[in-house]
Amino acid sequence: PIVIGVSSFALPPVLLDRVKRIEVAAPDAGTRLRIAERHLLPESRRTTRCSVPMHASALQRIVEVHAHDPGMRGVEQSLADVLGVALVCHMLGHQEAAFGAE
């Protein structure tokens, strides 16, 4: 059997004695940013159908906000939220919808 979990404390000691544990460290800041750029942003664009430009500093800020999260789900959700708002703003004719542009 395969057991996946964020914390081994939730598993009974009897089960922990019988499984091989492989611990994976959370990605560092640079890796998190690359994952967001290469995978999460393109997927969020497909999901929201939003082509509004996002400045690199905006993406970096989203990743920084979720720096202490154990995974990337918070980044993924924030990207979807931001792109959704950008799409609505763009549809309403607000030109400042290019998030993070300076």
N, C-alpha and C. Protein backbone atom coordinates (compact mmCIF):
# COMPACT_ATOMS: atom_id res chain seq x y z
N PRO A 1 0.82 -1.20 0.00
CA PRO A 1 0.00 0.00 0.00
C PRO A 1 0.86 1.26 0.00
N ILE A 2 0.32 2.32 -0.57
CA ILE A 2 1.00 3.61 -0.60
C ILE A 2 0.22 4.57 0.29
N VAL A 3 0.93 5.23 1.17
CA VAL A 3 0.33 6.20 2.08
C VAL A 3 0.96 7.54 1.80
N ILE A 4 0.14 8.55 1.60
CA ILE A 4 0.63 9.90 1.35
C ILE A 4 0.08 10.79 2.44
N GLY A 5 0.94 11.61 3.01
CA GLY A 5 0.46 12.51 4.04
C GLY A 5 1.42 13.65 4.27
N VAL A 6 0.90 14.73 4.80
CA VAL A 6 1.73 15.89 5.12
C VAL A 6 2.45 15.65 6.43
N SER A 7 1.81 14.96 7.35
CA SER A 7 2.40 14.72 8.66
C SER A 7 2.24 13.25 9.04
N SER A 8 3.30 12.66 9.54
CA SER A 8 3.22 11.27 9.98
C SER A 8 2.54 11.14 11.34
N PHE A 9 2.32 12.26 12.02
CA PHE A 9 1.68 12.22 13.34
C PHE A 9 0.24 11.74 13.25
N ALA A 10 -0.39 11.87 12.08
CA ALA A 10 -1.78 11.47 11.93
C ALA A 10 -1.92 9.96 11.73
N LEU A 11 -0.82 9.27 11.49
CA LEU A 11 -0.87 7.83 11.27
C LEU A 11 -0.63 7.08 12.56
N PRO A 12 -1.33 5.99 12.75
CA PRO A 12 -1.12 5.20 13.97
C PRO A 12 0.29 4.60 13.98
N PRO A 13 0.92 4.49 15.14
CA PRO A 13 2.27 3.93 15.23
C PRO A 13 2.39 2.53 14.64
N VAL A 14 1.33 1.73 14.74
CA VAL A 14 1.35 0.37 14.17
C VAL A 14 1.55 0.43 12.67
N LEU A 15 0.91 1.38 12.00
CA LEU A 15 1.07 1.53 10.56
C LEU A 15 2.44 2.10 10.21
N LEU A 16 2.90 3.05 10.98
CA LEU A 16 4.22 3.65 10.72
C LEU A 16 5.34 2.61 10.80
N ASP A 17 5.18 1.61 11.68
CA ASP A 17 6.18 0.56 11.80
C ASP A 17 6.24 -0.34 10.56
N ARG A 18 5.20 -0.35 9.77
CA ARG A 18 5.11 -1.28 8.65
C ARG A 18 5.32 -0.63 7.27
N VAL A 19 5.52 0.66 7.23
CA VAL A 19 5.69 1.34 5.94
C VAL A 19 7.08 1.95 5.85
N LYS A 20 7.54 2.03 4.63
CA LYS A 20 8.81 2.72 4.39
C LYS A 20 8.49 4.19 4.20
N ARG A 21 9.14 5.03 4.95
CA ARG A 21 8.87 6.47 4.88
C ARG A 21 9.90 7.14 3.98
N ILE A 22 9.40 7.94 3.07
CA ILE A 22 10.25 8.76 2.21
C ILE A 22 9.81 10.19 2.44
N GLU A 23 10.69 10.99 2.99
CA GLU A 23 10.36 12.38 3.27
C GLU A 23 10.89 13.27 2.16
N VAL A 24 10.04 14.15 1.69
CA VAL A 24 10.41 15.07 0.62
C VAL A 24 10.29 16.49 1.16
N ALA A 25 11.37 17.23 1.04
CA ALA A 25 11.37 18.61 1.53
C ALA A 25 10.54 19.49 0.60
N ALA A 26 9.97 20.54 1.17
CA ALA A 26 9.22 21.51 0.36
C ALA A 26 10.19 22.20 -0.59
N PRO A 27 9.73 22.57 -1.78
CA PRO A 27 10.62 23.24 -2.73
C PRO A 27 11.07 24.61 -2.22
N ASP A 28 12.31 25.00 -2.59
CA ASP A 28 12.81 26.32 -2.19
C ASP A 28 12.14 27.40 -3.04
N ALA A 29 12.43 28.66 -2.73
CA ALA A 29 11.75 29.78 -3.39
C ALA A 29 11.95 29.78 -4.90
N GLY A 30 13.17 29.53 -5.36
CA GLY A 30 13.43 29.51 -6.80
C GLY A 30 12.69 28.40 -7.51
N THR A 31 12.65 27.23 -6.90
CA THR A 31 11.94 26.10 -7.48
C THR A 31 10.44 26.37 -7.52
N ARG A 32 9.92 26.96 -6.45
CA ARG A 32 8.49 27.28 -6.41
C ARG A 32 8.12 28.26 -7.53
N LEU A 33 8.98 29.25 -7.75
CA LEU A 33 8.72 30.23 -8.81
C LEU A 33 8.76 29.55 -10.19
N ARG A 34 9.73 28.67 -10.41
CA ARG A 34 9.80 27.95 -11.69
C ARG A 34 8.59 27.06 -11.91
N ILE A 35 8.12 26.38 -10.87
CA ILE A 35 6.92 25.56 -10.98
C ILE A 35 5.73 26.42 -11.35
N ALA A 36 5.62 27.59 -10.70
CA ALA A 36 4.51 28.50 -11.00
C ALA A 36 4.58 29.00 -12.44
N GLU A 37 5.77 29.38 -12.89
CA GLU A 37 5.94 29.91 -14.26
C GLU A 37 5.67 28.86 -15.32
N ARG A 38 6.23 27.68 -15.13
CA ARG A 38 6.19 26.64 -16.17
C ARG A 38 4.91 25.82 -16.18
N HIS A 39 4.29 25.65 -15.02
CA HIS A 39 3.16 24.73 -14.94
C HIS A 39 1.87 25.38 -14.46
N LEU A 40 1.93 26.06 -13.31
CA LEU A 40 0.70 26.56 -12.72
C LEU A 40 0.09 27.73 -13.49
N LEU A 41 0.92 28.68 -13.92
CA LEU A 41 0.39 29.82 -14.67
C LEU A 41 -0.22 29.38 -16.00
N PRO A 42 0.48 28.57 -16.81
CA PRO A 42 -0.16 28.13 -18.06
C PRO A 42 -1.46 27.35 -17.82
N GLU A 43 -1.48 26.51 -16.79
CA GLU A 43 -2.70 25.75 -16.49
C GLU A 43 -3.82 26.68 -16.04
N SER A 44 -3.50 27.67 -15.21
CA SER A 44 -4.52 28.63 -14.77
C SER A 44 -5.03 29.44 -15.94
N ARG A 45 -4.16 29.78 -16.88
CA ARG A 45 -4.60 30.51 -18.08
C ARG A 45 -5.57 29.66 -18.90
N ARG A 46 -5.28 28.37 -19.03
CA ARG A 46 -6.19 27.49 -19.78
C ARG A 46 -7.52 27.36 -19.05
N THR A 47 -7.47 27.20 -17.75
CA THR A 47 -8.68 27.02 -16.97
C THR A 47 -9.57 28.26 -16.98
N THR A 48 -8.97 29.42 -16.79
CA THR A 48 -9.75 30.67 -16.73
C THR A 48 -9.96 31.30 -18.11
N ARG A 49 -9.25 30.78 -19.11
CA ARG A 49 -9.30 31.34 -20.48
C ARG A 49 -8.90 32.82 -20.46
N CYS A 50 -7.90 33.13 -19.68
CA CYS A 50 -7.44 34.51 -19.51
C CYS A 50 -6.08 34.70 -20.14
N SER A 51 -5.98 35.64 -21.06
CA SER A 51 -4.70 35.93 -21.70
C SER A 51 -4.15 37.30 -21.29
N VAL A 52 -4.75 37.91 -20.27
CA VAL A 52 -4.29 39.20 -19.77
C VAL A 52 -2.86 39.03 -19.25
N PRO A 53 -1.94 39.93 -19.63
CA PRO A 53 -0.54 39.78 -19.20
C PRO A 53 -0.39 39.86 -17.68
N MET A 54 0.55 39.07 -17.17
CA MET A 54 0.90 39.14 -15.75
C MET A 54 2.39 39.41 -15.66
N HIS A 55 2.75 40.49 -15.02
CA HIS A 55 4.16 40.86 -14.86
C HIS A 55 4.84 39.84 -13.95
N ALA A 56 6.11 39.58 -14.21
CA ALA A 56 6.87 38.61 -13.43
C ALA A 56 6.88 38.94 -11.94
N SER A 57 6.88 40.23 -11.60
CA SER A 57 6.88 40.62 -10.19
C SER A 57 5.58 40.23 -9.49
N ALA A 58 4.47 40.24 -10.23
CA ALA A 58 3.19 39.83 -9.64
C ALA A 58 3.20 38.34 -9.34
N LEU A 59 3.72 37.55 -10.26
CA LEU A 59 3.82 36.11 -10.04
C LEU A 59 4.76 35.82 -8.87
N GLN A 60 5.86 36.53 -8.81
CA GLN A 60 6.82 36.35 -7.72
C GLN A 60 6.17 36.68 -6.38
N ARG A 61 5.37 37.73 -6.34
CA ARG A 61 4.69 38.12 -5.09
C ARG A 61 3.69 37.05 -4.64
N ILE A 62 2.96 36.47 -5.59
CA ILE A 62 2.01 35.41 -5.25
C ILE A 62 2.76 34.23 -4.64
N VAL A 63 3.89 33.86 -5.24
CA VAL A 63 4.69 32.76 -4.72
C VAL A 63 5.23 33.09 -3.33
N GLU A 64 5.67 34.33 -3.13
CA GLU A 64 6.20 34.74 -1.82
C GLU A 64 5.14 34.68 -0.73
N VAL A 65 3.91 35.06 -1.07
CA VAL A 65 2.82 35.05 -0.09
C VAL A 65 2.60 33.63 0.44
N HIS A 66 2.80 32.64 -0.42
CA HIS A 66 2.57 31.24 -0.05
C HIS A 66 3.87 30.50 0.26
N ALA A 67 4.92 31.22 0.63
CA ALA A 67 6.24 30.62 0.87
C ALA A 67 6.22 29.58 1.99
N HIS A 68 5.36 29.73 2.96
CA HIS A 68 5.35 28.81 4.10
C HIS A 68 4.35 27.68 3.93
N ASP A 69 3.64 27.65 2.81
CA ASP A 69 2.73 26.54 2.55
C ASP A 69 3.55 25.29 2.22
N PRO A 70 3.10 24.12 2.66
CA PRO A 70 3.86 22.91 2.37
C PRO A 70 3.85 22.51 0.90
N GLY A 71 2.86 22.91 0.16
CA GLY A 71 2.75 22.56 -1.26
C GLY A 71 2.50 23.78 -2.11
N MET A 72 1.94 23.56 -3.28
CA MET A 72 1.73 24.64 -4.24
C MET A 72 0.25 24.95 -4.47
N ARG A 73 -0.63 24.34 -3.70
CA ARG A 73 -2.07 24.56 -3.92
C ARG A 73 -2.49 25.99 -3.65
N GLY A 74 -1.89 26.63 -2.66
CA GLY A 74 -2.21 28.03 -2.38
C GLY A 74 -1.82 28.93 -3.53
N VAL A 75 -0.66 28.67 -4.12
CA VAL A 75 -0.20 29.44 -5.29
C VAL A 75 -1.16 29.21 -6.44
N GLU A 76 -1.53 27.96 -6.67
CA GLU A 76 -2.43 27.62 -7.76
C GLU A 76 -3.78 28.33 -7.60
N GLN A 77 -4.33 28.33 -6.39
CA GLN A 77 -5.62 28.98 -6.14
C GLN A 77 -5.52 30.49 -6.30
N SER A 78 -4.44 31.09 -5.79
CA SER A 78 -4.27 32.53 -5.93
C SER A 78 -4.13 32.95 -7.39
N LEU A 79 -3.39 32.16 -8.17
CA LEU A 79 -3.27 32.46 -9.60
C LEU A 79 -4.63 32.42 -10.28
N ALA A 80 -5.42 31.41 -9.99
CA ALA A 80 -6.76 31.32 -10.58
C ALA A 80 -7.61 32.52 -10.16
N ASP A 81 -7.51 32.92 -8.89
CA ASP A 81 -8.28 34.08 -8.41
C ASP A 81 -7.86 35.36 -9.12
N VAL A 82 -6.55 35.59 -9.21
CA VAL A 82 -6.03 36.81 -9.82
C VAL A 82 -6.39 36.86 -11.31
N LEU A 83 -6.22 35.74 -11.99
CA LEU A 83 -6.54 35.71 -13.42
C LEU A 83 -8.05 35.87 -13.65
N GLY A 84 -8.85 35.34 -12.75
CA GLY A 84 -10.29 35.53 -12.86
C GLY A 84 -10.68 37.00 -12.73
N VAL A 85 -10.08 37.68 -11.76
CA VAL A 85 -10.35 39.11 -11.58
C VAL A 85 -9.83 39.89 -12.79
N ALA A 86 -8.65 39.53 -13.28
CA ALA A 86 -8.08 40.21 -14.45
C ALA A 86 -8.99 40.06 -15.66
N LEU A 87 -9.54 38.88 -15.82
CA LEU A 87 -10.44 38.63 -16.96
C LEU A 87 -11.70 39.48 -16.86
N VAL A 88 -12.28 39.55 -15.68
CA VAL A 88 -13.48 40.37 -15.48
C VAL A 88 -13.16 41.84 -15.74
N CYS A 89 -12.05 42.32 -15.20
CA CYS A 89 -11.65 43.72 -15.42
C CYS A 89 -11.44 43.99 -16.90
N HIS A 90 -10.79 43.08 -17.57
CA HIS A 90 -10.54 43.23 -19.01
C HIS A 90 -11.85 43.26 -19.79
N MET A 91 -12.77 42.39 -19.41
CA MET A 91 -14.07 42.35 -20.09
C MET A 91 -14.85 43.64 -19.87
N LEU A 92 -14.66 44.27 -18.71
CA LEU A 92 -15.35 45.52 -18.40
C LEU A 92 -14.65 46.73 -19.00
N GLY A 93 -13.51 46.50 -19.65
CA GLY A 93 -12.82 47.58 -20.33
C GLY A 93 -11.79 48.31 -19.50
N HIS A 94 -11.44 47.77 -18.36
CA HIS A 94 -10.42 48.41 -17.52
C HIS A 94 -9.05 48.03 -18.03
N GLN A 95 -8.30 48.98 -18.55
CA GLN A 95 -7.00 48.69 -19.14
C GLN A 95 -5.94 48.35 -18.10
N GLU A 96 -6.15 48.72 -16.85
CA GLU A 96 -5.15 48.44 -15.81
C GLU A 96 -5.20 46.98 -15.36
N ALA A 97 -5.86 46.14 -16.10
CA ALA A 97 -5.99 44.73 -15.73
C ALA A 97 -4.69 43.95 -15.98
N ALA A 98 -3.66 44.59 -16.52
CA ALA A 98 -2.36 43.93 -16.66
C ALA A 98 -1.69 43.93 -15.30
N PHE A 99 -1.96 42.94 -14.49
CA PHE A 99 -1.53 42.90 -13.10
C PHE A 99 -0.04 42.92 -12.97
N GLY A 100 0.44 43.79 -12.10
CA GLY A 100 1.86 43.86 -11.80
C GLY A 100 2.65 44.75 -12.76
N ALA A 101 2.02 45.23 -13.80
CA ALA A 101 2.74 46.09 -14.76
C ALA A 101 3.07 47.41 -14.06
N GLU A 102 4.28 47.87 -14.25
CA GLU A 102 4.69 49.11 -13.58
C GLU A 102 4.81 50.24 -14.55
